[in-house]
C-alpha atoms as a PDB file:
ATOM      1  CA  MET A   1     -14.889 -12.682  -8.022  1.00  0.00           C
ATOM      2  CA  LYS A   2     -13.766  -9.076  -7.144  1.00  0.00           C
ATOM      3  CA  GLY A   3     -11.650  -7.967  -4.278  1.00  0.00           C
ATOM      4  CA  LEU A   4     -10.683  -4.335  -2.878  1.00  0.00           C
ATOM      5  CA  LEU A   5      -6.919  -4.126  -1.560  1.00  0.00           C
ATOM      6  CA  ILE A   6      -6.809  -0.890   0.737  1.00  0.00           C
ATOM      7  CA  VAL A   7      -2.934   0.158   1.361  1.00  0.00           C
ATOM      8  CA  ASP A   8      -1.739   1.500   4.434  1.00  0.00           C
ATOM      9  CA  ILE A   9      -4.300   3.997   5.588  1.00  0.00           C
ATOM     10  CA  GLN A  10      -2.496   4.453   8.856  1.00  0.00           C
ATOM     11  CA  TYR A  11      -2.049   7.723  11.006  1.00  0.00           C
ATOM     12  CA  ASP A  12       1.797   7.942  10.130  1.00  0.00           C
ATOM     13  CA  PHE A  13       0.852   8.228   6.558  1.00  0.00           C
ATOM     14  CA  LEU A  14      -1.660  11.166   6.808  1.00  0.00           C
ATOM     15  CA  PRO A  15      -0.547  14.505   6.905  1.00  0.00           C
ATOM     16  CA  GLY A  16       0.946  15.465  10.274  1.00  0.00           C
ATOM     17  CA  GLY A  17       2.158  11.800  10.744  1.00  0.00           C
ATOM     18  CA  ALA A  18       5.854  10.787  10.648  1.00  0.00           C
ATOM     19  CA  LEU A  19       5.968  10.032   7.273  1.00  0.00           C
ATOM     20  CA  GLY A  20       2.762  11.945   6.103  1.00  0.00           C
ATOM     21  CA  VAL A  21       1.776  12.050   2.424  1.00  0.00           C
ATOM     22  CA  LYS A  22       0.537  15.197   1.194  1.00  0.00           C
ATOM     23  CA  GLU A  23      -3.552  15.213   0.804  1.00  0.00           C
ATOM     24  CA  GLY A  24      -3.522  11.533   2.295  1.00  0.00           C
ATOM     25  CA  ASP A  25      -6.287  12.312   4.492  1.00  0.00           C
ATOM     26  CA  GLN A  26      -8.426  13.048   1.407  1.00  0.00           C
ATOM     27  CA  VAL A  27      -8.521   9.463   0.130  1.00  0.00           C
ATOM     28  CA  VAL A  28     -10.284   8.166   3.010  1.00  0.00           C
ATOM     29  CA  PRO A  29     -13.749   9.356   1.821  1.00  0.00           C
ATOM     30  CA  VAL A  30     -13.220   8.153  -1.336  1.00  0.00           C
ATOM     31  CA  ILE A  31     -12.248   4.477   0.037  1.00  0.00           C
ATOM     32  CA  ASN A  32     -15.233   4.611   2.342  1.00  0.00           C
ATOM     33  CA  GLN A  33     -17.218   4.683  -1.044  1.00  0.00           C
ATOM     34  CA  LEU A  34     -15.541   2.034  -2.540  1.00  0.00           C
ATOM     35  CA  THR A  35     -16.014  -0.180   0.746  1.00  0.00           C
ATOM     36  CA  GLN A  36     -19.751   0.307  -0.209  1.00  0.00           C
ATOM     37  CA  LEU A  37     -19.635  -1.323  -3.512  1.00  0.00           C
ATOM     38  CA  PRO A  38     -20.367  -5.038  -4.170  1.00  0.00           C
ATOM     39  CA  PHE A  39     -16.981  -6.228  -3.638  1.00  0.00           C
ATOM     40  CA  ASP A  40     -16.650  -9.682  -2.919  1.00  0.00           C
ATOM     41  CA  VAL A  41     -13.716  -9.535  -0.837  1.00  0.00           C
ATOM     42  CA  VAL A  42     -12.111  -6.241   0.962  1.00  0.00           C
ATOM     43  CA  VAL A  43      -8.592  -6.270   2.714  1.00  0.00           C
ATOM     44  CA  ALA A  44      -6.131  -3.880   4.008  1.00  0.00           C
ATOM     45  CA  SER A  45      -2.485  -3.843   4.505  1.00  0.00           C
ATOM     46  CA  GLN A  46      -0.642  -2.368   7.384  1.00  0.00           C
ATOM     47  CA  ASP A  47       2.711  -1.183   7.587  1.00  0.00           C
ATOM     48  CA  TRP A  48       3.834  -3.017  10.917  1.00  0.00           C
ATOM     49  CA  HIS A  49       7.412  -2.310  11.798  1.00  0.00           C
ATOM     50  CA  PRO A  50       9.342  -3.440  14.709  1.00  0.00           C
ATOM     51  CA  ILE A  51      11.502  -0.820  16.570  1.00  0.00           C
ATOM     52  CA  GLY A  52      14.805  -0.396  14.879  1.00  0.00           C
ATOM     53  CA  HIS A  53      13.740  -1.320  11.599  1.00  0.00           C
ATOM     54  CA  GLY A  54      16.322  -1.458   8.809  1.00  0.00           C
ATOM     55  CA  SER A  55      14.370   1.117   6.569  1.00  0.00           C
ATOM     56  CA  PHE A  56      14.456   3.517   9.400  1.00  0.00           C
ATOM     57  CA  ALA A  57      16.965   6.371   9.021  1.00  0.00           C
ATOM     58  CA  SER A  58      17.716   6.372  12.929  1.00  0.00           C
ATOM     59  CA  THR A  59      18.789   2.676  13.121  1.00  0.00           C
ATOM     60  CA  HIS A  60      21.818   3.700  10.872  1.00  0.00           C
ATOM     61  CA  GLN A  61      22.492   7.343  12.437  1.00  0.00           C
ATOM     62  CA  LYS A  62      21.745   8.715   9.072  1.00  0.00           C
ATOM     63  CA  THR A  63      19.163  10.997   7.492  1.00  0.00           C
ATOM     64  CA  PRO A  64      15.700  10.100   5.893  1.00  0.00           C
ATOM     65  CA  GLY A  65      16.097  10.275   1.892  1.00  0.00           C
ATOM     66  CA  GLU A  66      19.834   8.727   2.178  1.00  0.00           C
ATOM     67  CA  VAL A  67      20.082   5.274   0.526  1.00  0.00           C
ATOM     68  CA  VAL A  68      21.861   2.125   2.120  1.00  0.00           C
ATOM     69  CA  SER A  69      21.926  -1.443   1.162  1.00  0.00           C
ATOM     70  CA  LEU A  70      19.704  -3.616   3.136  1.00  0.00           C
ATOM     71  CA  LYS A  71      19.889  -7.628   2.214  1.00  0.00           C
ATOM     72  CA  GLY A  72      21.589  -6.593  -0.878  1.00  0.00           C
ATOM     73  CA  LEU A  73      19.046  -4.084  -1.938  1.00  0.00           C
ATOM     74  CA  PRO A  74      19.176  -0.515  -2.232  1.00  0.00           C
ATOM     75  CA  GLN A  75      16.807   0.851   0.740  1.00  0.00           C
ATOM     76  CA  ILE A  76      15.816   4.434   0.900  1.00  0.00           C
ATOM     77  CA  LEU A  77      15.855   5.810   4.730  1.00  0.00           C
ATOM     78  CA  TRP A  78      12.646   6.919   5.969  1.00  0.00           C
ATOM     79  CA  PRO A  79      11.759   8.797   9.456  1.00  0.00           C
ATOM     80  CA  ASP A  80      10.798   6.206  12.062  1.00  0.00           C
ATOM     81  CA  HIS A  81       7.011   5.204  11.131  1.00  0.00           C
ATOM     82  CA  CYS A  82       4.075   2.655  11.684  1.00  0.00           C
ATOM     83  CA  VAL A  83       6.348   1.049  14.873  1.00  0.00           C
ATOM     84  CA  GLN A  84       4.203  -1.863  15.896  1.00  0.00           C
ATOM     85  CA  GLY A  85       1.982  -0.867  18.880  1.00  0.00           C
ATOM     86  CA  SER A  86       2.219   2.786  18.270  1.00  0.00           C
ATOM     87  CA  LYS A  87      -0.690   4.881  17.551  1.00  0.00           C
ATOM     88  CA  GLY A  88       1.057   5.735  14.231  1.00  0.00           C
ATOM     89  CA  ALA A  89       0.732   2.448  12.996  1.00  0.00           C
ATOM     90  CA  GLU A  90      -2.928   2.045  13.441  1.00  0.00           C
ATOM     91  CA  ILE A  91      -5.500   2.136  10.804  1.00  0.00           C
ATOM     92  CA  VAL A  92      -7.167   5.593  10.944  1.00  0.00           C
ATOM     93  CA  SER A  93     -10.486   5.584  12.713  1.00  0.00           C
ATOM     94  CA  SER A  94     -12.461   7.442  10.082  1.00  0.00           C
ATOM     95  CA  LEU A  95     -11.744   4.470   7.473  1.00  0.00           C
ATOM     96  CA  ASP A  96     -14.730   2.092   7.310  1.00  0.00           C
ATOM     97  CA  VAL A  97     -13.277  -1.240   8.382  1.00  0.00           C
ATOM     98  CA  THR A  98     -16.831  -3.101   8.762  1.00  0.00           C
ATOM     99  CA  LYS A  99     -16.352  -4.702   5.496  1.00  0.00           C
ATOM    100  CA  LEU A 100     -12.692  -6.084   6.075  1.00  0.00           C
ATOM    101  CA  ALA A 101     -12.082  -9.485   5.777  1.00  0.00           C
ATOM    102  CA  ALA A 102      -8.475  -9.480   6.827  1.00  0.00           C
ATOM    103  CA  VAL A 103      -5.654  -7.230   7.755  1.00  0.00           C
ATOM    104  CA  ILE A 104      -2.208  -8.088   6.401  1.00  0.00           C
ATOM    105  CA  PRO A 105       0.622  -6.855   8.191  1.00  0.00           C
ATOM    106  CA  LYS A 106       3.744  -6.145   6.286  1.00  0.00           C
ATOM    107  CA  GLY A 107       7.267  -4.707   6.966  1.00  0.00           C
ATOM    108  CA  THR A 108       7.481  -7.074   9.951  1.00  0.00           C
ATOM    109  CA  ASP A 109      11.048  -8.441   9.027  1.00  0.00           C
ATOM    110  CA  PRO A 110      13.540  -5.854  10.646  1.00  0.00           C
ATOM    111  CA  ASP A 111      16.131  -6.663   8.130  1.00  0.00           C
ATOM    112  CA  ILE A 112      14.145  -5.955   4.746  1.00  0.00           C
ATOM    113  CA  ASP A 113      11.552  -3.604   3.825  1.00  0.00           C
ATOM    114  CA  SER A 114       8.016  -4.322   2.187  1.00  0.00           C
ATOM    115  CA  TYR A 115       6.348  -1.934   0.191  1.00  0.00           C
ATOM    116  CA  SER A 116       4.360  -4.576  -1.333  1.00  0.00           C
ATOM    117  CA  ALA A 117       1.074  -5.896   0.312  1.00  0.00           C
ATOM    118  CA  PHE A 118       2.307  -9.537  -1.164  1.00  0.00           C
ATOM    119  CA  PHE A 119       5.883  -9.730  -0.369  1.00  0.00           C
ATOM    120  CA  ASP A 120       8.938  -8.325   1.032  1.00  0.00           C
ATOM    121  CA  ASN A 121      11.154  -6.251  -1.182  1.00  0.00           C
ATOM    122  CA  GLY A 122      13.441  -8.937  -2.146  1.00  0.00           C
ATOM    123  CA  HIS A 123      10.632 -11.560  -2.725  1.00  0.00           C
ATOM    124  CA  LYS A 124      11.839 -13.805  -0.217  1.00  0.00           C
ATOM    125  CA  LYS A 125       8.849 -13.964   2.134  1.00  0.00           C
ATOM    126  CA  ALA A 126       5.137 -13.768   1.287  1.00  0.00           C
ATOM    127  CA  THR A 127       2.818 -11.856   3.518  1.00  0.00           C
ATOM    128  CA  GLY A 128      -0.158 -14.568   3.000  1.00  0.00           C
ATOM    129  CA  LEU A 129      -2.338 -11.954   1.142  1.00  0.00           C
ATOM    130  CA  ASP A 130      -2.118 -14.238  -2.447  1.00  0.00           C
ATOM    131  CA  PRO A 131      -3.499 -17.587  -0.914  1.00  0.00           C
ATOM    132  CA  PHE A 132      -5.910 -15.550   1.003  1.00  0.00           C
ATOM    133  CA  LEU A 133      -7.347 -13.752  -2.289  1.00  0.00           C
ATOM    134  CA  LYS A 134      -7.207 -16.971  -4.456  1.00  0.00           C
ATOM    135  CA  GLU A 135      -8.850 -19.176  -1.730  1.00  0.00           C
ATOM    136  CA  LYS A 136     -11.622 -16.653  -1.911  1.00  0.00           C
ATOM    137  CA  GLY A 137     -11.517 -16.825  -5.745  1.00  0.00           C
ATOM    138  CA  VAL A 138     -10.557 -13.079  -6.326  1.00  0.00           C
ATOM    139  CA  LYS A 139      -9.708 -12.640  -9.947  1.00  0.00           C
ATOM    140  CA  GLU A 140     -10.218  -8.736 -10.226  1.00  0.00           C
ATOM    141  CA  LEU A 141      -8.143  -6.752  -7.775  1.00  0.00           C
ATOM    142  CA  TYR A 142      -8.832  -3.254  -7.249  1.00  0.00           C
ATOM    143  CA  ILE A 143      -6.055  -1.241  -5.207  1.00  0.00           C
ATOM    144  CA  ALA A 144      -6.479   2.061  -3.358  1.00  0.00           C
ATOM    145  CA  GLY A 145      -4.488   3.806  -0.715  1.00  0.00           C
ATOM    146  CA  LEU A 146      -0.838   5.161   0.142  1.00  0.00           C
ATOM    147  CA  ALA A 147       1.254   5.896  -1.329  1.00  0.00           C
ATOM    148  CA  THR A 148       0.985   5.560  -5.302  1.00  0.00           C
ATOM    149  CA  ASP A 149       4.715   5.679  -6.072  1.00  0.00           C
ATOM    150  CA  TYR A 150       5.634   2.958  -3.283  1.00  0.00           C
ATOM    151  CA  CYS A 151       3.167   0.386  -1.579  1.00  0.00           C
ATOM    152  CA  VAL A 152       0.507   1.009  -4.180  1.00  0.00           C
ATOM    153  CA  LYS A 153       2.755   0.558  -7.002  1.00  0.00           C
ATOM    154  CA  PHE A 154       4.786  -2.314  -5.879  1.00  0.00           C
ATOM    155  CA  SER A 155       1.321  -4.224  -4.318  1.00  0.00           C
ATOM    156  CA  THR A 156       0.317  -3.394  -7.994  1.00  0.00           C
ATOM    157  CA  LEU A 157       3.167  -4.836  -9.941  1.00  0.00           C
ATOM    158  CA  ASP A 158       3.123  -7.889  -7.867  1.00  0.00           C
ATOM    159  CA  ALA A 159      -0.633  -8.379  -8.162  1.00  0.00           C
ATOM    160  CA  LEU A 160      -0.235  -8.464 -11.837  1.00  0.00           C
ATOM    161  CA  ALA A 161       2.996 -10.728 -11.716  1.00  0.00           C
ATOM    162  CA  LEU A 162       0.723 -13.191  -9.638  1.00  0.00           C
ATOM    163  CA  GLY A 163      -2.055 -13.035 -12.560  1.00  0.00           C
ATOM    164  CA  TYR A 164      -4.603 -10.641 -11.109  1.00  0.00           C
ATOM    165  CA  ASP A 165      -6.676  -8.127 -13.497  1.00  0.00           C
ATOM    166  CA  VAL A 166      -5.511  -4.996 -11.707  1.00  0.00           C
ATOM    167  CA  PHE A 167      -7.305  -1.645 -11.546  1.00  0.00           C
ATOM    168  CA  VAL A 168      -5.735   1.150  -9.564  1.00  0.00           C
ATOM    169  CA  VAL A 169      -8.470   3.789  -8.462  1.00  0.00           C
ATOM    170  CA  ILE A 170      -6.179   6.749  -8.923  1.00  0.00           C
ATOM    171  CA  ASP A 171      -8.448   9.176  -6.976  1.00  0.00           C
ATOM    172  CA  ALA A 172      -8.215   7.084  -4.125  1.00  0.00           C
ATOM    173  CA  CYS A 173      -4.543   7.224  -4.025  1.00  0.00           C
ATOM    174  CA  ARG A 174      -1.825   9.941  -3.435  1.00  0.00           C
ATOM    175  CA  ALA A 175       1.835   9.898  -3.988  1.00  0.00           C
ATOM    176  CA  VAL A 176       4.935  10.638  -1.782  1.00  0.00           C
ATOM    177  CA  ASN A 177       6.747  12.403  -4.693  1.00  0.00           C
ATOM    178  CA  LEU A 178      10.447  12.526  -3.384  1.00  0.00           C
ATOM    179  CA  ASN A 179      10.946  13.542  -6.900  1.00  0.00           C
ATOM    180  CA  PRO A 180       8.239  15.557  -8.641  1.00  0.00           C
ATOM    181  CA  LEU A 181       7.842  12.940 -11.502  1.00  0.00           C
ATOM    182  CA  ASP A 182       7.593  10.057  -9.425  1.00  0.00           C
ATOM    183  CA  GLU A 183       4.047   9.733  -9.213  1.00  0.00           C
ATOM    184  CA  GLN A 184       3.620  10.220 -12.946  1.00  0.00           C
ATOM    185  CA  GLU A 185       6.352   7.400 -13.476  1.00  0.00           C
ATOM    186  CA  ALA A 186       4.488   5.105 -11.057  1.00  0.00           C
ATOM    187  CA  ILE A 187       1.172   5.283 -13.072  1.00  0.00           C
ATOM    188  CA  SER A 188       3.081   5.007 -16.438  1.00  0.00           C
ATOM    189  CA  GLU A 189       4.878   1.862 -15.116  1.00  0.00           C
ATOM    190  CA  MET A 190       1.932   0.193 -13.739  1.00  0.00           C
ATOM    191  CA  GLN A 191      -0.124   0.903 -17.147  1.00  0.00           C
ATOM    192  CA  SER A 192       3.005  -0.900 -19.022  1.00  0.00           C
ATOM    193  CA  ARG A 193       2.605  -3.826 -17.354  1.00  0.00           C
ATOM    194  CA  GLY A 194      -1.246  -4.129 -17.667  1.00  0.00           C
ATOM    195  CA  ALA A 195      -2.767  -2.299 -14.857  1.00  0.00           C
ATOM    196  CA  ARG A 196      -5.808  -0.236 -15.642  1.00  0.00           C
ATOM    197  CA  ILE A 197      -6.126   3.478 -13.956  1.00  0.00           C
ATOM    198  CA  VAL A 198      -9.622   4.214 -13.167  1.00  0.00           C
ATOM    199  CA  THR A 199     -11.525   6.361 -11.085  1.00  0.00           C
ATOM    200  CA  LEU A 200     -14.160   6.035  -8.215  1.00  0.00           C
ATOM    201  CA  LYS A 201     -16.784   6.817 -10.893  1.00  0.00           C
ATOM    202  CA  GLU A 202     -15.652   4.520 -13.305  1.00  0.00           C
ATOM    203  CA  VAL A 203     -15.600   1.743 -10.536  1.00  0.00           C
ATOM    204  CA  LYS A 204     -19.278   2.535  -9.696  1.00  0.00           C
ATOM    205  CA  GLU A 205     -20.515   2.181 -13.366  1.00  0.00           C
ATOM    206  CA  ARG A 206     -18.408  -0.757 -13.663  1.00  0.00           C
ATOM    207  CA  LEU A 207     -19.741  -2.711 -10.324  1.00  0.00           C
ATOM    208  CA  MET A 208     -23.312  -1.008 -10.068  1.00  0.00           C
END
């Protein structure tokens, strides 16, 4: 069984959003083509933070980009983003959601962030995505979305550790690139752990 995981296609991560990813809007039409392919299961993750989340710079009266300790883990501070119930937290209307079997919220605990769609950053709590996919019999997982160097990367690494064969659809992803090499380093790390980096064209050839 083959699954597609769409990571965090929300208004706040698109250009003009609170934490806009450069060219983030360009992944939407690519992902919409992916959803038309014969995947057995399509799911999406949704960053879903409470007001005053510990990853927000404003919570600590600090500046975005600074690093603090959160539950014993280093935490990059971000602008307030994807606040529960806000427009910025909504999945973008241009994304084809007709095939979605589930939307998995993450980042709901105010005291710890959750880049991965599977676990919080401390791997203390699971989101429920893994048992959902396992119940459906998913073995191959294709991952697309935002951002390559954060939520896509950590979702990929967790999926690999959980035993999935993982394919990252790289032209359906974009990176934050706080540092210029972050995207390439993320790709290298995902590959070194066993992920395969593919394009939409290659996925079409594989599945059609």
